[in-house]
Amino acid sequence: MIFNEKELNNISKLSLDDKIKKIKNSKRGFAVQKKFRSNMMLNPLKLRHLNRIDNLEADMITLNLEDAIAPSRKREALINIALFLSHLKNSNSFIIIRTNPLNEGGAEEIEFLNDFTFDAIRLAKVKEQNDIEKALKILDKSKELHISMETKEAFENLSSLRIDKRFTTANIGILDLLTSLGLPQSLLQRDNPTIHYILSKFLIDSKIAGLHPISFMFQDYKNIDEFRKWCQLEKKMGFTTKACMGPLQVEVANEIFGATPEEIERAKYIKKIFEESVKRGENGFMDERYGFIDEPIYRDALLVLR
């Protein structure tokens, strides 16, 4: 926990001006782990949730300033984030702040947050390259830019949006995207071919652009069985990260999108025998355990180990 119980209770009673006075220089370093299976969304108005960002199991944590926060409370949410980040000493999670669109307060939010230590900004309602350019000009160069892919314009142009290496990740906001496309949200079913197409196109276009694709948030957070089935489907498609609501979803996502012990054992074995074979001048050979092994098989093993 960032604050003890007494300190947290005192913070909950402070005015916004008094919270600002408690903000100090951030000491936390940037996240070093690159294992991204789960991306957990947190509401920064919930102080007890913010207080746990130093010991959550989620590989990524997104602090949401956008659609879950009423306009009258966005400043409060922003100051809460700054206060807790400024006192955060350690966290194993990659921390992202989801801002509003640039012309709806997002630009000012990024400017305010730039001096605090976190890992990435996630920009909402992106449509075109110009949005990316504007955000990168404002954002501190030490931080990554992520986007919410939730408009038909971004869906059409995603593979051409990456204009800078700091832009690394795209999150599909499928409910907003369906609305933008003029499609009913009732289409969101695991066996719907339109949904399969949308997810597949998002995945492939992200990969073409060199972006890391994160699949959508399943809203029915109590239905863990259905969430598990979605994760299993998305893993078959090629996704490696799932947006999550709450620790139960995080637990499932970490399990499904993590490599199994068998997969890790196979990858280590292939890496070892292929590298030994290369030293003998052979880049392709038959193996008793796994059949024919060549360089593409070896590269896939390295991908598993990463």
C-alpha atoms as a PDB file:
ATOM      1  CA  MET A   1       0.000   0.000   0.000  1.00  0.00           C
ATOM      2  CA  ILE A   2       1.190   3.539  -0.747  1.00  0.00           C
ATOM      3  CA  PHE A   3      -0.394   5.064   2.368  1.00  0.00           C
ATOM      4  CA  ASN A   4      -1.348   3.387   5.627  1.00  0.00           C
ATOM      5  CA  GLU A   5      -4.992   3.308   6.728  1.00  0.00           C
ATOM      6  CA  LYS A   6      -4.801   6.444   8.834  1.00  0.00           C
ATOM      7  CA  GLU A   7      -3.067   8.442   6.117  1.00  0.00           C
ATOM      8  CA  LEU A   8      -5.578   7.258   3.517  1.00  0.00           C
ATOM      9  CA  ASN A   9      -8.526   8.287   5.670  1.00  0.00           C
ATOM     10  CA  ASN A  10      -6.983  11.716   6.150  1.00  0.00           C
ATOM     11  CA  ILE A  11      -6.410  12.125   2.411  1.00  0.00           C
ATOM     12  CA  SER A  12     -10.040  11.273   1.674  1.00  0.00           C
ATOM     13  CA  LYS A  13     -11.104  14.295   3.767  1.00  0.00           C
ATOM     14  CA  LEU A  14      -8.795  16.813   2.088  1.00  0.00           C
ATOM     15  CA  SER A  15      -9.890  19.527  -0.311  1.00  0.00           C
ATOM     16  CA  LEU A  16      -8.316  19.550  -3.778  1.00  0.00           C
ATOM     17  CA  ASP A  17      -6.073  22.461  -2.795  1.00  0.00           C
ATOM     18  CA  ASP A  18      -4.841  20.545   0.254  1.00  0.00           C
ATOM     19  CA  LYS A  19      -4.225  17.431  -1.867  1.00  0.00           C
ATOM     20  CA  ILE A  20      -2.084  19.529  -4.208  1.00  0.00           C
ATOM     21  CA  LYS A  21       0.019  20.635  -1.221  1.00  0.00           C
ATOM     22  CA  LYS A  22       0.784  16.973  -0.426  1.00  0.00           C
ATOM     23  CA  ILE A  23       2.133  16.241  -3.914  1.00  0.00           C
ATOM     24  CA  LYS A  24       5.901  15.744  -3.835  1.00  0.00           C
ATOM     25  CA  ASN A  25       8.659  14.904  -6.324  1.00  0.00           C
ATOM     26  CA  SER A  26       8.244  11.395  -7.702  1.00  0.00           C
ATOM     27  CA  LYS A  27      10.935   8.825  -6.834  1.00  0.00           C
ATOM     28  CA  ARG A  28       9.701   5.687  -8.632  1.00  0.00           C
ATOM     29  CA  GLY A  29      11.664   4.385 -11.591  1.00  0.00           C
ATOM     30  CA  PHE A  30      10.067   3.285 -14.841  1.00  0.00           C
ATOM     31  CA  ALA A  31       8.723  -0.249 -15.224  1.00  0.00           C
ATOM     32  CA  VAL A  32      11.368  -2.711 -16.397  1.00  0.00           C
ATOM     33  CA  GLN A  33       9.267  -5.822 -16.982  1.00  0.00           C
ATOM     34  CA  LYS A  34       7.917  -6.486 -20.465  1.00  0.00           C
ATOM     35  CA  LYS A  35       5.478  -9.289 -19.654  1.00  0.00           C
ATOM     36  CA  PHE A  36       2.132  -7.836 -20.673  1.00  0.00           C
ATOM     37  CA  ARG A  37      -0.716 -10.321 -20.177  1.00  0.00           C
ATOM     38  CA  SER A  38      -3.249  -8.196 -18.311  1.00  0.00           C
ATOM     39  CA  ASN A  39      -4.133  -4.493 -18.424  1.00  0.00           C
ATOM     40  CA  MET A  40      -6.303  -3.540 -15.438  1.00  0.00           C
ATOM     41  CA  MET A  41      -8.401  -0.362 -15.535  1.00  0.00           C
ATOM     42  CA  LEU A  42      -8.697   1.632 -12.298  1.00  0.00           C
ATOM     43  CA  ASN A  43     -10.921   4.571 -11.394  1.00  0.00           C
ATOM     44  CA  PRO A  44      -8.775   7.289  -9.739  1.00  0.00           C
ATOM     45  CA  LEU A  45     -11.757   8.541  -7.744  1.00  0.00           C
ATOM     46  CA  LYS A  46     -11.558   5.284  -5.768  1.00  0.00           C
ATOM     47  CA  LEU A  47      -8.708   6.086  -3.397  1.00  0.00           C
ATOM     48  CA  ARG A  48      -8.483   2.549  -2.010  1.00  0.00           C
ATOM     49  CA  HIS A  49      -7.936   1.267  -5.542  1.00  0.00           C
ATOM     50  CA  LEU A  50      -5.245   3.870  -6.225  1.00  0.00           C
ATOM     51  CA  ASN A  51      -3.561   2.974  -2.959  1.00  0.00           C
ATOM     52  CA  ARG A  52      -2.926  -0.586  -4.189  1.00  0.00           C
ATOM     53  CA  ILE A  53      -1.079   0.151  -7.435  1.00  0.00           C
ATOM     54  CA  ASP A  54       2.190  -0.763  -5.759  1.00  0.00           C
ATOM     55  CA  ASN A  55       1.249  -4.435  -5.275  1.00  0.00           C
ATOM     56  CA  LEU A  56      -1.339  -5.487  -7.867  1.00  0.00           C
ATOM     57  CA  GLU A  57      -0.878  -8.644  -9.966  1.00  0.00           C
ATOM     58  CA  ALA A  58      -1.778  -6.860 -13.220  1.00  0.00           C
ATOM     59  CA  ASP A  59       1.129  -6.517 -15.629  1.00  0.00           C
ATOM     60  CA  MET A  60      -0.275  -3.149 -16.730  1.00  0.00           C
ATOM     61  CA  ILE A  61      -2.429  -0.671 -14.796  1.00  0.00           C
ATOM     62  CA  THR A  62      -4.446   2.015 -16.590  1.00  0.00           C
ATOM     63  CA  LEU A  63      -5.616   4.972 -14.512  1.00  0.00           C
ATOM     64  CA  ASN A  64      -8.717   6.204 -16.300  1.00  0.00           C
ATOM     65  CA  LEU A  65      -9.456   9.907 -16.682  1.00  0.00           C
ATOM     66  CA  GLU A  66     -11.849   9.541 -19.579  1.00  0.00           C
ATOM     67  CA  ASP A  67     -15.368   8.176 -19.954  1.00  0.00           C
ATOM     68  CA  ALA A  68     -15.798   6.680 -16.466  1.00  0.00           C
ATOM     69  CA  ILE A  69     -15.213  10.097 -14.857  1.00  0.00           C
ATOM     70  CA  ALA A  70     -17.959  12.757 -14.843  1.00  0.00           C
ATOM     71  CA  PRO A  71     -16.780  16.130 -16.241  1.00  0.00           C
ATOM     72  CA  SER A  72     -17.340  17.775 -12.851  1.00  0.00           C
ATOM     73  CA  ARG A  73     -14.857  15.385 -11.203  1.00  0.00           C
ATOM     74  CA  LYS A  74     -12.090  15.111 -13.813  1.00  0.00           C
ATOM     75  CA  ARG A  75      -9.838  17.624 -12.017  1.00  0.00           C
ATOM     76  CA  GLU A  76     -10.274  15.691  -8.785  1.00  0.00           C
ATOM     77  CA  ALA A  77      -9.311  12.440 -10.544  1.00  0.00           C
ATOM     78  CA  LEU A  78      -6.258  14.108 -12.116  1.00  0.00           C
ATOM     79  CA  ILE A  79      -5.023  15.468  -8.789  1.00  0.00           C
ATOM     80  CA  ASN A  80      -5.594  12.079  -7.128  1.00  0.00           C
ATOM     81  CA  ILE A  81      -3.374  10.440  -9.741  1.00  0.00           C
ATOM     82  CA  ALA A  82      -0.633  13.024  -9.260  1.00  0.00           C
ATOM     83  CA  LEU A  83      -0.764  12.682  -5.472  1.00  0.00           C
ATOM     84  CA  PHE A  84      -0.532   8.892  -5.402  1.00  0.00           C
ATOM     85  CA  LEU A  85       2.106   8.710  -8.158  1.00  0.00           C
ATOM     86  CA  SER A  86       4.232  11.247  -6.309  1.00  0.00           C
ATOM     87  CA  HIS A  87       4.288   8.967  -3.235  1.00  0.00           C
ATOM     88  CA  LEU A  88       4.669   5.681  -5.146  1.00  0.00           C
ATOM     89  CA  LYS A  89       8.060   4.098  -4.416  1.00  0.00           C
ATOM     90  CA  ASN A  90       7.799   0.718  -6.109  1.00  0.00           C
ATOM     91  CA  SER A  91       5.475  -1.086  -8.514  1.00  0.00           C
ATOM     92  CA  ASN A  92       5.923  -4.141 -10.698  1.00  0.00           C
ATOM     93  CA  SER A  93       3.170  -2.930 -13.018  1.00  0.00           C
ATOM     94  CA  PHE A  94       3.559  -0.823 -16.168  1.00  0.00           C
ATOM     95  CA  ILE A  95       1.509   2.290 -15.334  1.00  0.00           C
ATOM     96  CA  ILE A  96      -0.555   4.066 -17.977  1.00  0.00           C
ATOM     97  CA  ILE A  97      -2.784   7.134 -17.690  1.00  0.00           C
ATOM     98  CA  ARG A  98      -5.780   7.234 -20.006  1.00  0.00           C
ATOM     99  CA  THR A  99      -6.461  10.864 -20.870  1.00  0.00           C
ATOM    100  CA  ASN A 100      -9.365  12.560 -22.550  1.00  0.00           C
ATOM    101  CA  PRO A 101      -9.163  13.517 -26.239  1.00  0.00           C
ATOM    102  CA  LEU A 102      -6.655  16.321 -26.815  1.00  0.00           C
ATOM    103  CA  ASN A 103      -9.330  18.921 -27.565  1.00  0.00           C
ATOM    104  CA  GLU A 104     -11.419  17.892 -24.551  1.00  0.00           C
ATOM    105  CA  GLY A 105      -8.812  18.452 -21.865  1.00  0.00           C
ATOM    106  CA  GLY A 106      -6.322  15.746 -22.827  1.00  0.00           C
ATOM    107  CA  ALA A 107      -3.593  18.187 -23.861  1.00  0.00           C
ATOM    108  CA  GLU A 108      -3.747  19.960 -20.501  1.00  0.00           C
ATOM    109  CA  GLU A 109      -3.812  16.624 -18.643  1.00  0.00           C
ATOM    110  CA  ILE A 110      -0.644  15.459 -20.399  1.00  0.00           C
ATOM    111  CA  GLU A 111       1.133  18.752 -19.685  1.00  0.00           C
ATOM    112  CA  PHE A 112       0.177  18.553 -15.997  1.00  0.00           C
ATOM    113  CA  LEU A 113       1.280  14.912 -15.662  1.00  0.00           C
ATOM    114  CA  ASN A 114       4.557  15.115 -17.594  1.00  0.00           C
ATOM    115  CA  ASP A 115       6.683  15.717 -14.488  1.00  0.00           C
ATOM    116  CA  PHE A 116       5.389  12.628 -12.679  1.00  0.00           C
ATOM    117  CA  THR A 117       6.854   9.162 -13.087  1.00  0.00           C
ATOM    118  CA  PHE A 118       4.662   6.717 -14.993  1.00  0.00           C
ATOM    119  CA  ASP A 119       5.213   4.735 -18.165  1.00  0.00           C
ATOM    120  CA  ALA A 120       2.710   5.778 -20.814  1.00  0.00           C
ATOM    121  CA  ILE A 121      -0.184   8.027 -21.796  1.00  0.00           C
ATOM    122  CA  ARG A 122      -3.192   6.426 -23.475  1.00  0.00           C
ATOM    123  CA  LEU A 123      -4.964   8.907 -25.732  1.00  0.00           C
ATOM    124  CA  ALA A 124      -8.711   8.541 -26.318  1.00  0.00           C
ATOM    125  CA  LYS A 125     -10.781   8.934 -29.506  1.00  0.00           C
ATOM    126  CA  VAL A 126      -7.845   9.048 -31.935  1.00  0.00           C
ATOM    127  CA  LYS A 127      -8.806   9.484 -35.590  1.00  0.00           C
ATOM    128  CA  GLU A 128      -5.744  10.437 -37.635  1.00  0.00           C
ATOM    129  CA  GLN A 129      -1.984  10.969 -37.694  1.00  0.00           C
ATOM    130  CA  ASN A 130      -2.427  14.582 -36.631  1.00  0.00           C
ATOM    131  CA  ASP A 131      -3.709  13.390 -33.245  1.00  0.00           C
ATOM    132  CA  ILE A 132      -0.549  11.336 -32.777  1.00  0.00           C
ATOM    133  CA  GLU A 133       1.705  14.222 -33.822  1.00  0.00           C
ATOM    134  CA  LYS A 134       0.065  16.662 -31.399  1.00  0.00           C
ATOM    135  CA  ALA A 135       0.247  14.230 -28.482  1.00  0.00           C
ATOM    136  CA  LEU A 136       3.914  13.405 -29.063  1.00  0.00           C
ATOM    137  CA  LYS A 137       4.832  17.095 -29.142  1.00  0.00           C
ATOM    138  CA  ILE A 138       3.320  17.544 -25.675  1.00  0.00           C
ATOM    139  CA  LEU A 139       4.326  14.233 -24.074  1.00  0.00           C
ATOM    140  CA  ASP A 140       7.627  13.949 -22.209  1.00  0.00           C
ATOM    141  CA  LYS A 141      10.098  12.017 -24.359  1.00  0.00           C
ATOM    142  CA  SER A 142      10.725   9.437 -21.624  1.00  0.00           C
ATOM    143  CA  LYS A 143       7.149   8.135 -21.836  1.00  0.00           C
ATOM    144  CA  GLU A 144       5.326   5.947 -24.354  1.00  0.00           C
ATOM    145  CA  LEU A 145       2.182   6.902 -26.227  1.00  0.00           C
ATOM    146  CA  HIS A 146      -0.689   4.408 -26.372  1.00  0.00           C
ATOM    147  CA  ILE A 147      -4.052   4.974 -28.036  1.00  0.00           C
ATOM    148  CA  SER A 148      -7.631   3.828 -27.647  1.00  0.00           C
ATOM    149  CA  MET A 149      -8.705   2.555 -31.069  1.00  0.00           C
ATOM    150  CA  GLU A 150     -12.427   3.294 -30.897  1.00  0.00           C
ATOM    151  CA  THR A 151     -13.337   5.321 -33.997  1.00  0.00           C
ATOM    152  CA  LYS A 152     -14.031   4.112 -37.525  1.00  0.00           C
ATOM    153  CA  GLU A 153     -11.331   6.494 -38.792  1.00  0.00           C
ATOM    154  CA  ALA A 154      -8.639   4.917 -36.586  1.00  0.00           C
ATOM    155  CA  PHE A 155      -9.932   1.437 -37.472  1.00  0.00           C
ATOM    156  CA  GLU A 156      -9.455   2.201 -41.164  1.00  0.00           C
ATOM    157  CA  ASN A 157      -6.065   3.890 -40.809  1.00  0.00           C
ATOM    158  CA  LEU A 158      -4.423   2.040 -37.920  1.00  0.00           C
ATOM    159  CA  SER A 159      -1.638   0.415 -39.955  1.00  0.00           C
ATOM    160  CA  SER A 160      -0.441   3.877 -41.078  1.00  0.00           C
ATOM    161  CA  LEU A 161      -0.728   5.760 -37.782  1.00  0.00           C
ATOM    162  CA  ARG A 162       2.637   4.860 -36.277  1.00  0.00           C
ATOM    163  CA  ILE A 163       4.860   7.834 -37.047  1.00  0.00           C
ATOM    164  CA  ASP A 164       7.207   7.591 -34.047  1.00  0.00           C
ATOM    165  CA  LYS A 165       8.753   4.735 -32.075  1.00  0.00           C
ATOM    166  CA  ARG A 166       7.345   6.184 -28.829  1.00  0.00           C
ATOM    167  CA  PHE A 167       3.881   5.247 -30.091  1.00  0.00           C
ATOM    168  CA  THR A 168       3.929   1.580 -29.090  1.00  0.00           C
ATOM    169  CA  THR A 169       0.470   0.237 -28.222  1.00  0.00           C
ATOM    170  CA  ALA A 170      -3.154   0.217 -29.389  1.00  0.00           C
ATOM    171  CA  ASN A 171      -6.129  -0.748 -27.223  1.00  0.00           C
ATOM    172  CA  ILE A 172      -9.366  -1.644 -28.982  1.00  0.00           C
ATOM    173  CA  GLY A 173     -12.429  -0.025 -27.440  1.00  0.00           C
ATOM    174  CA  ILE A 174     -14.875  -2.297 -29.164  1.00  0.00           C
ATOM    175  CA  LEU A 175     -18.148  -0.886 -27.833  1.00  0.00           C
ATOM    176  CA  ASP A 176     -17.287   2.664 -28.936  1.00  0.00           C
ATOM    177  CA  LEU A 177     -15.979   1.297 -32.228  1.00  0.00           C
ATOM    178  CA  LEU A 178     -19.232  -0.539 -32.939  1.00  0.00           C
ATOM    179  CA  THR A 179     -21.151   2.675 -32.271  1.00  0.00           C
ATOM    180  CA  SER A 180     -18.801   4.625 -34.543  1.00  0.00           C
ATOM    181  CA  LEU A 181     -19.411   2.029 -37.288  1.00  0.00           C
ATOM    182  CA  GLY A 182     -23.173   2.288 -36.810  1.00  0.00           C
ATOM    183  CA  LEU A 183     -23.392  -1.290 -35.565  1.00  0.00           C
ATOM    184  CA  PRO A 184     -25.341  -2.464 -32.487  1.00  0.00           C
ATOM    185  CA  GLN A 185     -23.342  -3.521 -29.445  1.00  0.00           C
ATOM    186  CA  SER A 186     -25.464  -6.684 -29.316  1.00  0.00           C
ATOM    187  CA  LEU A 187     -23.135  -8.067 -32.012  1.00  0.00           C
ATOM    188  CA  LEU A 188     -20.475  -8.599 -29.352  1.00  0.00           C
ATOM    189  CA  GLN A 189     -20.761 -12.394 -29.177  1.00  0.00           C
ATOM    190  CA  ARG A 190     -17.931 -14.949 -29.329  1.00  0.00           C
ATOM    191  CA  ASP A 191     -19.417 -16.698 -32.368  1.00  0.00           C
ATOM    192  CA  ASN A 192     -20.160 -13.557 -34.396  1.00  0.00           C
ATOM    193  CA  PRO A 193     -18.110 -13.416 -37.643  1.00  0.00           C
ATOM    194  CA  THR A 194     -18.236  -9.616 -37.727  1.00  0.00           C
ATOM    195  CA  ILE A 195     -16.591  -9.475 -34.301  1.00  0.00           C
ATOM    196  CA  HIS A 196     -13.997 -12.019 -35.439  1.00  0.00           C
ATOM    197  CA  TYR A 197     -13.222  -9.816 -38.442  1.00  0.00           C
ATOM    198  CA  ILE A 198     -12.945  -6.638 -36.346  1.00  0.00           C
ATOM    199  CA  LEU A 199     -10.590  -8.281 -33.842  1.00  0.00           C
ATOM    200  CA  SER A 200      -8.514  -9.942 -36.572  1.00  0.00           C
ATOM    201  CA  LYS A 201      -8.149  -6.730 -38.586  1.00  0.00           C
ATOM    202  CA  PHE A 202      -7.189  -4.805 -35.454  1.00  0.00           C
ATOM    203  CA  LEU A 203      -4.585  -7.448 -34.555  1.00  0.00           C
ATOM    204  CA  ILE A 204      -3.003  -7.672 -38.010  1.00  0.00           C
ATOM    205  CA  ASP A 205      -3.017  -3.922 -38.684  1.00  0.00           C
ATOM    206  CA  SER A 206      -1.383  -3.341 -35.296  1.00  0.00           C
ATOM    207  CA  LYS A 207       1.318  -5.892 -36.091  1.00  0.00           C
ATOM    208  CA  ILE A 208       1.906  -4.340 -39.534  1.00  0.00           C
ATOM    209  CA  ALA A 209       2.401  -0.964 -37.850  1.00  0.00           C
ATOM    210  CA  GLY A 210       4.708  -2.429 -35.191  1.00  0.00           C
ATOM    211  CA  LEU A 211       2.184  -1.794 -32.411  1.00  0.00           C
ATOM    212  CA  HIS A 212       1.275  -4.011 -29.484  1.00  0.00           C
ATOM    213  CA  PRO A 213      -2.482  -4.806 -29.692  1.00  0.00           C
ATOM    214  CA  ILE A 214      -4.531  -5.114 -26.492  1.00  0.00           C
ATOM    215  CA  SER A 215      -7.958  -6.708 -26.725  1.00  0.00           C
ATOM    216  CA  PHE A 216     -11.118  -5.150 -25.341  1.00  0.00           C
ATOM    217  CA  MET A 217     -12.496  -4.992 -21.811  1.00  0.00           C
ATOM    218  CA  PHE A 218     -15.235  -7.503 -20.996  1.00  0.00           C
ATOM    219  CA  GLN A 219     -17.772  -5.485 -19.006  1.00  0.00           C
ATOM    220  CA  ASP A 220     -19.600  -8.308 -17.191  1.00  0.00           C
ATOM    221  CA  TYR A 221     -16.851  -8.623 -14.581  1.00  0.00           C
ATOM    222  CA  LYS A 222     -18.758 -11.167 -12.484  1.00  0.00           C
ATOM    223  CA  ASN A 223     -19.073 -13.639 -15.391  1.00  0.00           C
ATOM    224  CA  ILE A 224     -15.576 -15.091 -15.124  1.00  0.00           C
ATOM    225  CA  ASP A 225     -16.471 -18.202 -17.129  1.00  0.00           C
ATOM    226  CA  GLU A 226     -17.427 -16.120 -20.176  1.00  0.00           C
ATOM    227  CA  PHE A 227     -14.364 -13.923 -19.703  1.00  0.00           C
ATOM    228  CA  ARG A 228     -12.181 -17.022 -19.728  1.00  0.00           C
ATOM    229  CA  LYS A 229     -13.750 -18.171 -22.997  1.00  0.00           C
ATOM    230  CA  TRP A 230     -13.088 -14.789 -24.588  1.00  0.00           C
ATOM    231  CA  CYS A 231      -9.450 -14.953 -23.469  1.00  0.00           C
ATOM    232  CA  GLN A 232      -9.081 -18.440 -24.923  1.00  0.00           C
ATOM    233  CA  LEU A 233     -10.542 -17.285 -28.253  1.00  0.00           C
ATOM    234  CA  GLU A 234      -8.332 -14.206 -28.381  1.00  0.00           C
ATOM    235  CA  LYS A 235      -5.214 -16.210 -27.588  1.00  0.00           C
ATOM    236  CA  LYS A 236      -6.017 -18.497 -30.533  1.00  0.00           C
ATOM    237  CA  MET A 237      -6.282 -15.389 -32.698  1.00  0.00           C
ATOM    238  CA  GLY A 238      -2.835 -14.227 -31.618  1.00  0.00           C
ATOM    239  CA  PHE A 239      -3.514 -11.702 -28.865  1.00  0.00           C
ATOM    240  CA  THR A 240      -1.196 -11.698 -25.869  1.00  0.00           C
ATOM    241  CA  THR A 241      -2.833  -9.030 -23.662  1.00  0.00           C
ATOM    242  CA  LYS A 242      -6.400  -8.502 -22.406  1.00  0.00           C
ATOM    243  CA  ALA A 243      -7.973  -5.445 -20.792  1.00  0.00           C
ATOM    244  CA  CYS A 244      -9.347  -6.325 -17.354  1.00  0.00           C
ATOM    245  CA  MET A 245     -11.861  -5.146 -14.778  1.00  0.00           C
ATOM    246  CA  GLY A 246     -10.804  -6.264 -11.338  1.00  0.00           C
ATOM    247  CA  PRO A 247      -8.379  -8.825  -9.901  1.00  0.00           C
ATOM    248  CA  LEU A 248     -10.421 -11.906 -10.866  1.00  0.00           C
ATOM    249  CA  GLN A 249     -10.149 -11.044 -14.548  1.00  0.00           C
ATOM    250  CA  VAL A 250      -6.444 -10.280 -14.080  1.00  0.00           C
ATOM    251  CA  GLU A 251      -5.879 -13.733 -12.610  1.00  0.00           C
ATOM    252  CA  VAL A 252      -7.522 -15.416 -15.607  1.00  0.00           C
ATOM    253  CA  ALA A 253      -5.735 -13.236 -18.182  1.00  0.00           C
ATOM    254  CA  ASN A 254      -2.344 -13.849 -16.566  1.00  0.00           C
ATOM    255  CA  GLU A 255      -2.994 -17.578 -16.647  1.00  0.00           C
ATOM    256  CA  ILE A 256      -4.222 -17.829 -20.242  1.00  0.00           C
ATOM    257  CA  PHE A 257      -1.887 -15.356 -21.912  1.00  0.00           C
ATOM    258  CA  GLY A 258       1.167 -16.609 -20.065  1.00  0.00           C
ATOM    259  CA  ALA A 259       3.267 -19.383 -21.565  1.00  0.00           C
ATOM    260  CA  THR A 260       2.619 -22.816 -20.085  1.00  0.00           C
ATOM    261  CA  PRO A 261       5.499 -24.784 -18.503  1.00  0.00           C
ATOM    262  CA  GLU A 262       5.301 -27.175 -21.473  1.00  0.00           C
ATOM    263  CA  GLU A 263       5.613 -24.305 -23.968  1.00  0.00           C
ATOM    264  CA  ILE A 264       8.591 -22.879 -22.101  1.00  0.00           C
ATOM    265  CA  GLU A 265      10.297 -26.281 -21.900  1.00  0.00           C
ATOM    266  CA  ARG A 266       9.782 -26.834 -25.649  1.00  0.00           C
ATOM    267  CA  ALA A 267      11.113 -23.353 -26.491  1.00  0.00           C
ATOM    268  CA  LYS A 268      14.216 -23.773 -24.324  1.00  0.00           C
ATOM    269  CA  TYR A 269      14.924 -27.171 -25.885  1.00  0.00           C
ATOM    270  CA  ILE A 270      14.552 -25.851 -29.450  1.00  0.00           C
ATOM    271  CA  LYS A 271      16.735 -22.832 -28.702  1.00  0.00           C
ATOM    272  CA  LYS A 272      19.475 -25.033 -27.266  1.00  0.00           C
ATOM    273  CA  ILE A 273      19.609 -27.669 -29.986  1.00  0.00           C
ATOM    274  CA  PHE A 274      19.220 -25.185 -32.856  1.00  0.00           C
ATOM    275  CA  GLU A 275      22.099 -23.033 -31.602  1.00  0.00           C
ATOM    276  CA  GLU A 276      24.227 -26.163 -31.207  1.00  0.00           C
ATOM    277  CA  SER A 277      23.299 -27.198 -34.744  1.00  0.00           C
ATOM    278  CA  VAL A 278      24.209 -23.795 -36.189  1.00  0.00           C
ATOM    279  CA  LYS A 279      27.703 -24.141 -34.735  1.00  0.00           C
ATOM    280  CA  ARG A 280      28.013 -27.312 -36.825  1.00  0.00           C
ATOM    281  CA  GLY A 281      26.864 -25.456 -39.941  1.00  0.00           C
ATOM    282  CA  GLU A 282      23.310 -26.908 -40.012  1.00  0.00           C
ATOM    283  CA  ASN A 283      20.296 -24.560 -40.040  1.00  0.00           C
ATOM    284  CA  GLY A 284      17.667 -27.261 -40.542  1.00  0.00           C
ATOM    285  CA  PHE A 285      17.461 -30.806 -39.165  1.00  0.00           C
ATOM    286  CA  MET A 286      15.087 -33.540 -37.986  1.00  0.00           C
ATOM    287  CA  ASP A 287      14.590 -33.841 -34.245  1.00  0.00           C
ATOM    288  CA  GLU A 288      13.231 -36.939 -32.507  1.00  0.00           C
ATOM    289  CA  ARG A 289      10.972 -34.915 -30.177  1.00  0.00           C
ATOM    290  CA  TYR A 290       9.610 -32.124 -32.358  1.00  0.00           C
ATOM    291  CA  GLY A 291      10.204 -33.091 -35.978  1.00  0.00           C
ATOM    292  CA  PHE A 292      11.807 -30.719 -38.458  1.00  0.00           C
ATOM    293  CA  ILE A 293      13.423 -27.658 -36.855  1.00  0.00           C
ATOM    294  CA  ASP A 294      14.768 -24.719 -38.843  1.00  0.00           C
ATOM    295  CA  GLU A 295      15.269 -20.990 -38.334  1.00  0.00           C
ATOM    296  CA  PRO A 296      11.545 -19.988 -38.368  1.00  0.00           C
ATOM    297  CA  ILE A 297      10.880 -22.617 -35.651  1.00  0.00           C
ATOM    298  CA  TYR A 298      13.830 -21.253 -33.697  1.00  0.00           C
ATOM    299  CA  ARG A 299      12.574 -17.657 -33.976  1.00  0.00           C
ATOM    300  CA  ASP A 300       9.168 -18.745 -32.699  1.00  0.00           C
ATOM    301  CA  ALA A 301      10.852 -20.379 -29.693  1.00  0.00           C
ATOM    302  CA  LEU A 302      12.632 -17.098 -28.945  1.00  0.00           C
ATOM    303  CA  LEU A 303       9.287 -15.317 -29.115  1.00  0.00           C
ATOM    304  CA  VAL A 304       7.865 -17.676 -26.464  1.00  0.00           C
ATOM    305  CA  LEU A 305      10.868 -17.124 -24.211  1.00  0.00           C
ATOM    306  CA  ARG A 306      10.547 -13.345 -24.519  1.00  0.00           C
END
